[in-house]
Amino acid sequence: MLLTIDVAVLLAVVIVLRLGRRTEARSRSDERTTVALALVFGVLVAPTAFGQGILDVVTQLALGISQSGSP
């Protein structure tokens, strides 16, 4: 039996655990570390099919919002 851990999944778990803490308990360096982890997670997920699906959904949402304001 071979156990593999996807780095993107591991980073997602770490980000969720870090964001679960109270806002008052965070220092600036803690916030910077969380932002850096989120950026690395985005870079890892972006070229995957899942990342492309998220991009398509966000694109459609942005188009819908921008078109709803025009006459």
Protein backbone atom coordinates (compact mmCIF):
# COMPACT_ATOMS: atom_id res chain seq x y z
CA MET A 1 0.00 0.00 0.00
CA LEU A 2 1.42 3.36 -1.09
CA LEU A 3 0.24 6.52 0.62
CA THR A 4 0.59 9.73 -1.34
CA ILE A 5 -0.28 13.23 -0.19
CA ASP A 6 -1.02 15.91 -2.74
CA VAL A 7 0.84 19.11 -1.82
CA ALA A 8 -2.13 21.28 -2.81
CA VAL A 9 -4.45 19.32 -0.51
CA LEU A 10 -1.94 19.54 2.34
CA LEU A 11 -1.62 23.30 1.85
CA ALA A 12 -5.41 23.67 1.74
CA VAL A 13 -5.68 21.91 5.11
CA VAL A 14 -2.95 24.11 6.60
CA ILE A 15 -4.66 27.28 5.30
CA VAL A 16 -8.03 26.24 6.71
CA LEU A 17 -6.47 25.49 10.10
CA ARG A 18 -4.61 28.81 10.15
CA LEU A 19 -7.72 30.80 9.16
CA GLY A 20 -9.77 29.05 11.83
CA ARG A 21 -7.94 30.93 14.58
CA ARG A 22 -9.33 34.12 16.07
CA THR A 23 -8.41 37.29 14.24
CA GLU A 24 -7.24 39.04 17.42
CA ALA A 25 -4.64 36.33 18.07
CA ARG A 26 -2.83 36.86 14.75
CA SER A 27 0.38 38.79 14.42
CA ARG A 28 1.58 40.51 11.24
CA SER A 29 4.07 37.75 10.52
CA ASP A 30 1.33 35.15 11.00
CA GLU A 31 -0.88 36.98 8.49
CA ARG A 32 1.99 37.25 6.00
CA THR A 33 2.68 33.53 6.32
CA THR A 34 -0.98 32.73 5.67
CA VAL A 35 -1.01 34.97 2.59
CA ALA A 36 2.17 33.33 1.28
CA LEU A 37 0.65 29.87 1.79
CA ALA A 38 -2.51 30.95 -0.04
CA LEU A 39 -0.47 32.27 -2.97
CA VAL A 40 1.52 29.04 -3.23
CA PHE A 41 -1.74 27.09 -3.06
CA GLY A 42 -3.14 29.17 -5.91
CA VAL A 43 -0.06 28.53 -8.03
CA LEU A 44 -0.32 24.79 -7.41
CA VAL A 45 -4.05 24.58 -8.16
CA ALA A 46 -4.19 26.98 -11.14
CA PRO A 47 -2.90 24.63 -13.89
CA THR A 48 -5.18 21.75 -12.83
CA ALA A 49 -8.64 21.02 -14.22
CA PHE A 50 -10.10 22.03 -10.86
CA GLY A 51 -8.31 25.38 -11.03
CA GLN A 52 -9.51 25.99 -14.57
CA GLY A 53 -13.07 25.21 -13.47
CA ILE A 54 -12.81 27.76 -10.67
CA LEU A 55 -11.44 30.32 -13.14
CA ASP A 56 -14.38 29.70 -15.50
CA VAL A 57 -16.92 30.10 -12.68
CA VAL A 58 -15.32 33.31 -11.42
CA THR A 59 -15.13 34.67 -14.98
CA GLN A 60 -18.82 33.97 -15.59
CA LEU A 61 -19.72 35.53 -12.23
CA ALA A 62 -17.71 38.67 -13.00
CA LEU A 63 -19.28 38.96 -16.44
CA GLY A 64 -22.75 38.56 -14.96
CA ILE A 65 -22.12 41.24 -12.33
CA SER A 66 -20.63 43.68 -14.84
CA GLN A 67 -23.51 43.16 -17.30
CA SER A 68 -26.19 43.56 -14.60
CA GLY A 69 -25.15 47.19 -14.05
CA SER A 70 -25.38 48.19 -17.71
CA PRO A 71 -28.71 49.29 -19.25
